[in-house]
Structure formats: C-alpha cells, structure tokens
Amino acid sequence: MIGGKSGMTAQNESTEERERALASKGRMVSLVIVGTMVLWMLSLWLGPMLGLPGRYAFLFDFAALAGLVWALVVSLQLRRARKDAQAKR
C-alpha cells in the first residue's frame, strides 16, 4: 500500500477522476436547468403582481433561454466526452 492507494493504477485513477469531473459537471447542468426554470416561473408570477411592464417579461424570457442554451451546450459536451472515454476503453 504505497502512497495510501491499494492496487489502483494511474490509468484507473485518471479514469475515476475524469468520471467524477463529468458527474460534477452534469450536476451543475441539472442545477442550472432547475434554477432557470424556477426563476423564470417566479418572474412570470411576480411580474404582473409587481406591475412590471411587459418588456421585462421578454428580458426574463431571454435570460431563461440563455441559461437553457448554456445547459444544452454543456450537456452535448458531456455526451461527447463520455462517448470518447468509452471509445478509449
């Protein structure tokens, strides 16, 4: 048991680290999607109650779209990274 590792090779460690990084990125994407949708629904509910003009609704809509587009792009990057990792095995 050298260095506190019990029989893990460098390749196994790097694969495990890569999987952890991908999982972390996936969790971030899910949080962005959920947060975007919650904030968007709150803005649609609170906007008329606060008497905000309609142009603010468009602002919130575009902000939500930007968050969802970011999540889509990162999801596609994750998919490609996982596909490449499987091809290397």
C-alpha atoms as a PDB file:
ATOM      1  CA  MET A   1       0.000   0.000   0.000  1.00  0.00           C
ATOM      2  CA  ILE A   2       2.250   2.722  -1.305  1.00  0.00           C
ATOM      3  CA  GLY A   3       1.009   6.311  -1.046  1.00  0.00           C
ATOM      4  CA  GLY A   4      -2.284   5.254   0.506  1.00  0.00           C
ATOM      5  CA  LYS A   5      -3.593   3.590  -2.674  1.00  0.00           C
ATOM      6  CA  SER A   6      -4.407  -0.079  -2.641  1.00  0.00           C
ATOM      7  CA  GLY A   7      -3.632  -1.517  -6.049  1.00  0.00           C
ATOM      8  CA  MET A   8      -5.019   1.268  -8.261  1.00  0.00           C
ATOM      9  CA  THR A   9      -3.057   2.044 -11.377  1.00  0.00           C
ATOM     10  CA  ALA A  10      -2.527   5.534 -12.738  1.00  0.00           C
ATOM     11  CA  GLN A  11      -4.935   4.832 -15.594  1.00  0.00           C
ATOM     12  CA  ASN A  12      -7.707   3.747 -13.214  1.00  0.00           C
ATOM     13  CA  GLU A  13      -7.153   6.862 -11.114  1.00  0.00           C
ATOM     14  CA  SER A  14      -7.314   9.171 -14.112  1.00  0.00           C
ATOM     15  CA  THR A  15     -10.439   7.421 -15.389  1.00  0.00           C
ATOM     16  CA  GLU A  16     -12.042   7.751 -11.975  1.00  0.00           C
ATOM     17  CA  GLU A  17     -11.086  11.442 -11.762  1.00  0.00           C
ATOM     18  CA  ARG A  18     -12.492  12.045 -15.240  1.00  0.00           C
ATOM     19  CA  GLU A  19     -15.771  10.340 -14.301  1.00  0.00           C
ATOM     20  CA  ARG A  20     -16.009  12.443 -11.148  1.00  0.00           C
ATOM     21  CA  ALA A  21     -15.418  15.627 -13.144  1.00  0.00           C
ATOM     22  CA  LEU A  22     -18.080  14.646 -15.672  1.00  0.00           C
ATOM     23  CA  ALA A  23     -20.526  13.799 -12.907  1.00  0.00           C
ATOM     24  CA  SER A  24     -19.864  17.129 -11.228  1.00  0.00           C
ATOM     25  CA  LYS A  25     -20.424  18.968 -14.486  1.00  0.00           C
ATOM     26  CA  GLY A  26     -23.645  17.025 -15.010  1.00  0.00           C
ATOM     27  CA  ARG A  27     -24.886  18.038 -11.565  1.00  0.00           C
ATOM     28  CA  MET A  28     -24.106  21.657 -12.375  1.00  0.00           C
ATOM     29  CA  VAL A  29     -26.107  21.416 -15.606  1.00  0.00           C
ATOM     30  CA  SER A  30     -29.086  19.958 -13.754  1.00  0.00           C
ATOM     31  CA  LEU A  31     -28.935  22.718 -11.140  1.00  0.00           C
ATOM     32  CA  VAL A  32     -28.786  25.389 -13.850  1.00  0.00           C
ATOM     33  CA  ILE A  33     -31.813  23.886 -15.611  1.00  0.00           C
ATOM     34  CA  VAL A  34     -33.852  23.653 -12.401  1.00  0.00           C
ATOM     35  CA  GLY A  35     -32.773  27.093 -11.199  1.00  0.00           C
ATOM     36  CA  THR A  36     -33.507  28.681 -14.557  1.00  0.00           C
ATOM     37  CA  MET A  37     -36.985  27.224 -14.709  1.00  0.00           C
ATOM     38  CA  VAL A  38     -37.827  28.143 -11.107  1.00  0.00           C
ATOM     39  CA  LEU A  39     -36.617  31.722 -11.536  1.00  0.00           C
ATOM     40  CA  TRP A  40     -38.418  32.025 -14.869  1.00  0.00           C
ATOM     41  CA  MET A  41     -41.716  30.803 -13.379  1.00  0.00           C
ATOM     42  CA  LEU A  42     -41.295  33.128 -10.398  1.00  0.00           C
ATOM     43  CA  SER A  43     -40.662  36.061 -12.718  1.00  0.00           C
ATOM     44  CA  LEU A  44     -43.822  35.256 -14.680  1.00  0.00           C
ATOM     45  CA  TRP A  45     -45.810  35.055 -11.474  1.00  0.00           C
ATOM     46  CA  LEU A  46     -44.298  38.071  -9.695  1.00  0.00           C
ATOM     47  CA  GLY A  47     -44.008  40.383 -12.702  1.00  0.00           C
ATOM     48  CA  PRO A  48     -47.718  41.212 -13.029  1.00  0.00           C
ATOM     49  CA  MET A  49     -48.129  41.329  -9.238  1.00  0.00           C
ATOM     50  CA  LEU A  50     -45.409  43.982  -9.024  1.00  0.00           C
ATOM     51  CA  GLY A  51     -46.797  45.856 -12.010  1.00  0.00           C
ATOM     52  CA  LEU A  52     -43.701  45.394 -14.182  1.00  0.00           C
ATOM     53  CA  PRO A  53     -44.135  46.326 -17.842  1.00  0.00           C
ATOM     54  CA  GLY A  54     -44.303  43.561 -20.461  1.00  0.00           C
ATOM     55  CA  ARG A  55     -40.825  44.322 -21.736  1.00  0.00           C
ATOM     56  CA  TYR A  56     -39.420  42.881 -18.512  1.00  0.00           C
ATOM     57  CA  ALA A  57     -41.171  39.616 -19.285  1.00  0.00           C
ATOM     58  CA  PHE A  58     -39.158  39.459 -22.514  1.00  0.00           C
ATOM     59  CA  LEU A  59     -35.985  40.170 -20.557  1.00  0.00           C
ATOM     60  CA  PHE A  60     -36.705  37.273 -18.194  1.00  0.00           C
ATOM     61  CA  ASP A  61     -37.608  35.049 -21.141  1.00  0.00           C
ATOM     62  CA  PHE A  62     -34.330  35.775 -22.899  1.00  0.00           C
ATOM     63  CA  ALA A  63     -32.360  35.230 -19.688  1.00  0.00           C
ATOM     64  CA  ALA A  64     -34.075  31.847 -19.278  1.00  0.00           C
ATOM     65  CA  LEU A  65     -33.312  30.959 -22.880  1.00  0.00           C
ATOM     66  CA  ALA A  66     -29.660  31.872 -22.366  1.00  0.00           C
ATOM     67  CA  GLY A  67     -29.456  29.591 -19.317  1.00  0.00           C
ATOM     68  CA  LEU A  68     -31.111  26.719 -21.158  1.00  0.00           C
ATOM     69  CA  VAL A  69     -28.907  27.138 -24.241  1.00  0.00           C
ATOM     70  CA  TRP A  70     -25.838  27.055 -21.986  1.00  0.00           C
ATOM     71  CA  ALA A  71     -27.139  23.874 -20.358  1.00  0.00           C
ATOM     72  CA  LEU A  72     -27.729  22.298 -23.777  1.00  0.00           C
ATOM     73  CA  VAL A  73     -24.218  23.133 -24.980  1.00  0.00           C
ATOM     74  CA  VAL A  74     -22.600  21.762 -21.828  1.00  0.00           C
ATOM     75  CA  SER A  75     -24.797  18.638 -21.983  1.00  0.00           C
ATOM     76  CA  LEU A  76     -23.625  17.992 -25.530  1.00  0.00           C
ATOM     77  CA  GLN A  77     -20.018  18.451 -24.414  1.00  0.00           C
ATOM     78  CA  LEU A  78     -20.596  15.938 -21.602  1.00  0.00           C
ATOM     79  CA  ARG A  79     -22.134  13.467 -24.021  1.00  0.00           C
ATOM     80  CA  ARG A  80     -19.173  13.759 -26.367  1.00  0.00           C
ATOM     81  CA  ALA A  81     -16.674  13.404 -23.521  1.00  0.00           C
ATOM     82  CA  ARG A  82     -18.374  10.263 -22.218  1.00  0.00           C
ATOM     83  CA  LYS A  83     -18.583   8.813 -25.715  1.00  0.00           C
ATOM     84  CA  ASP A  84     -14.849   9.490 -26.264  1.00  0.00           C
ATOM     85  CA  ALA A  85     -13.998   7.931 -22.889  1.00  0.00           C
ATOM     86  CA  GLN A  86     -15.924   4.766 -23.783  1.00  0.00           C
ATOM     87  CA  ALA A  87     -14.201   4.560 -27.158  1.00  0.00           C
ATOM     88  CA  LYS A  88     -10.777   4.630 -25.432  1.00  0.00           C
ATOM     89  CA  ARG A  89     -11.617   1.643 -23.222  1.00  0.00           C
END
